[in-house]
């Protein structure tokens, strides 16, 4: 497991947080949503590179 610090626009973070909690519930929502987002992005990038 790794921990990273990133800076993103406040508005983008707020929207992400709201939707993450709606989808996954309060506990662990950010972690789950971020993992899902990264996996989806990686899939997209890999397909584009083929």
N, C-alpha and C. Protein backbone atom coordinates (compact mmCIF):
# COMPACT_ATOMS: atom_id res chain seq x y z
N UNK A 1 0.86 -1.17 0.00
CA UNK A 1 0.00 0.00 0.00
C UNK A 1 0.90 1.23 0.00
N UNK A 2 0.49 2.24 -0.73
CA UNK A 2 1.28 3.46 -0.85
C UNK A 2 0.41 4.67 -0.51
N UNK A 3 1.04 5.70 0.02
CA UNK A 3 0.35 6.96 0.29
C UNK A 3 1.00 8.04 -0.56
N UNK A 4 0.18 8.84 -1.22
CA UNK A 4 0.68 9.93 -2.05
C UNK A 4 -0.11 11.19 -1.72
N UNK A 5 0.53 12.32 -1.90
CA UNK A 5 -0.13 13.60 -1.71
C UNK A 5 -0.22 14.27 -3.08
N UNK A 6 -1.41 14.72 -3.42
CA UNK A 6 -1.62 15.39 -4.70
C UNK A 6 -2.41 16.67 -4.48
N UNK A 7 -2.30 17.57 -5.42
CA UNK A 7 -3.09 18.80 -5.38
C UNK A 7 -4.01 18.81 -6.59
N UNK A 8 -5.30 18.98 -6.33
CA UNK A 8 -6.28 19.09 -7.40
C UNK A 8 -7.20 20.26 -7.08
N UNK A 9 -7.88 20.79 -8.08
CA UNK A 9 -8.78 21.92 -7.83
C UNK A 9 -9.86 21.57 -6.79
N UNK A 10 -10.17 22.53 -5.94
CA UNK A 10 -11.17 22.32 -4.88
C UNK A 10 -12.51 21.85 -5.43
N UNK A 11 -12.96 22.48 -6.49
CA UNK A 11 -14.27 22.14 -7.04
C UNK A 11 -14.30 20.69 -7.54
N UNK A 12 -13.23 20.27 -8.20
CA UNK A 12 -13.14 18.89 -8.68
C UNK A 12 -13.17 17.92 -7.51
N UNK A 13 -12.44 18.22 -6.44
CA UNK A 13 -12.42 17.35 -5.26
C UNK A 13 -13.80 17.26 -4.61
N UNK A 14 -14.47 18.40 -4.46
CA UNK A 14 -15.79 18.39 -3.82
C UNK A 14 -16.77 17.53 -4.61
N UNK A 15 -16.76 17.67 -5.93
CA UNK A 15 -17.66 16.89 -6.76
C UNK A 15 -17.33 15.39 -6.66
N UNK A 16 -16.05 15.07 -6.69
CA UNK A 16 -15.60 13.68 -6.56
C UNK A 16 -16.05 13.10 -5.22
N UNK A 17 -15.86 13.86 -4.17
CA UNK A 17 -16.21 13.41 -2.82
C UNK A 17 -17.71 13.14 -2.69
N UNK A 18 -18.51 14.05 -3.20
CA UNK A 18 -19.97 13.88 -3.13
C UNK A 18 -20.40 12.60 -3.84
N UNK A 19 -19.90 12.39 -5.04
CA UNK A 19 -20.31 11.22 -5.80
C UNK A 19 -19.74 9.93 -5.21
N UNK A 20 -18.55 10.00 -4.66
CA UNK A 20 -17.96 8.82 -4.02
C UNK A 20 -18.80 8.36 -2.83
N UNK A 21 -19.21 9.30 -2.02
CA UNK A 21 -20.02 8.96 -0.84
C UNK A 21 -21.39 8.44 -1.26
N UNK A 22 -21.96 9.02 -2.30
CA UNK A 22 -23.26 8.53 -2.79
C UNK A 22 -23.15 7.08 -3.27
N UNK A 23 -22.07 6.77 -3.95
CA UNK A 23 -21.92 5.43 -4.52
C UNK A 23 -21.49 4.40 -3.48
N UNK A 24 -20.53 4.75 -2.63
CA UNK A 24 -19.92 3.76 -1.74
C UNK A 24 -20.30 3.90 -0.27
N UNK A 25 -21.05 4.92 0.08
CA UNK A 25 -21.34 5.15 1.49
C UNK A 25 -20.19 5.93 2.11
N UNK A 26 -20.35 6.32 3.35
CA UNK A 26 -19.38 7.23 3.95
C UNK A 26 -18.03 6.58 4.22
N UNK A 27 -18.01 5.42 4.85
CA UNK A 27 -16.74 4.82 5.27
C UNK A 27 -15.98 4.23 4.08
N UNK A 28 -14.80 4.74 3.82
CA UNK A 28 -13.94 4.21 2.77
C UNK A 28 -14.30 4.64 1.36
N UNK A 29 -15.22 5.58 1.23
CA UNK A 29 -15.71 5.97 -0.09
C UNK A 29 -14.61 6.55 -0.97
N UNK A 30 -13.80 7.42 -0.42
CA UNK A 30 -12.77 8.09 -1.22
C UNK A 30 -11.76 7.07 -1.74
N UNK A 31 -11.32 6.19 -0.87
CA UNK A 31 -10.35 5.17 -1.29
C UNK A 31 -10.93 4.30 -2.40
N UNK A 32 -12.15 3.83 -2.22
CA UNK A 32 -12.77 2.96 -3.21
C UNK A 32 -12.96 3.68 -4.54
N UNK A 33 -13.45 4.90 -4.47
CA UNK A 33 -13.71 5.66 -5.70
C UNK A 33 -12.41 6.01 -6.42
N UNK A 34 -11.39 6.34 -5.67
CA UNK A 34 -10.10 6.66 -6.27
C UNK A 34 -9.48 5.44 -6.94
N UNK A 35 -9.56 4.30 -6.28
CA UNK A 35 -9.06 3.06 -6.89
C UNK A 35 -9.81 2.76 -8.18
N UNK A 36 -11.12 2.91 -8.15
CA UNK A 36 -11.92 2.65 -9.35
C UNK A 36 -11.54 3.62 -10.47
N UNK A 37 -11.38 4.88 -10.14
CA UNK A 37 -11.03 5.89 -11.13
C UNK A 37 -9.67 5.60 -11.76
N UNK A 38 -8.71 5.23 -10.95
CA UNK A 38 -7.37 4.93 -11.47
C UNK A 38 -7.40 3.70 -12.37
N UNK A 39 -8.11 2.67 -11.93
CA UNK A 39 -8.21 1.45 -12.76
C UNK A 39 -8.87 1.74 -14.11
N UNK A 40 -9.95 2.50 -14.09
CA UNK A 40 -10.64 2.85 -15.34
C UNK A 40 -9.74 3.68 -16.25
N UNK A 41 -9.01 4.61 -15.67
CA UNK A 41 -8.10 5.44 -16.46
C UNK A 41 -7.00 4.58 -17.08
N UNK A 42 -6.45 3.66 -16.30
CA UNK A 42 -5.41 2.77 -16.83
C UNK A 42 -5.93 1.91 -17.97
N UNK A 43 -7.14 1.39 -17.82
CA UNK A 43 -7.74 0.60 -18.90
C UNK A 43 -7.85 1.43 -20.17
N UNK A 44 -8.32 2.65 -20.03
CA UNK A 44 -8.48 3.55 -21.17
C UNK A 44 -7.14 3.83 -21.85
N UNK A 45 -6.14 4.14 -21.06
CA UNK A 45 -4.82 4.46 -21.61
C UNK A 45 -4.23 3.25 -22.33
N UNK A 46 -4.37 2.09 -21.74
CA UNK A 46 -3.83 0.88 -22.36
C UNK A 46 -4.51 0.59 -23.70
N UNK A 47 -5.82 0.79 -23.77
CA UNK A 47 -6.54 0.58 -25.03
C UNK A 47 -6.10 1.57 -26.09
N UNK A 48 -5.87 2.81 -25.68
CA UNK A 48 -5.44 3.85 -26.62
C UNK A 48 -4.05 3.56 -27.18
N UNK A 49 -3.22 2.89 -26.41
CA UNK A 49 -1.84 2.61 -26.83
C UNK A 49 -1.74 1.41 -27.76
N UNK A 50 -2.81 0.66 -27.88
CA UNK A 50 -2.78 -0.53 -28.75
C UNK A 50 -2.93 -0.17 -30.20
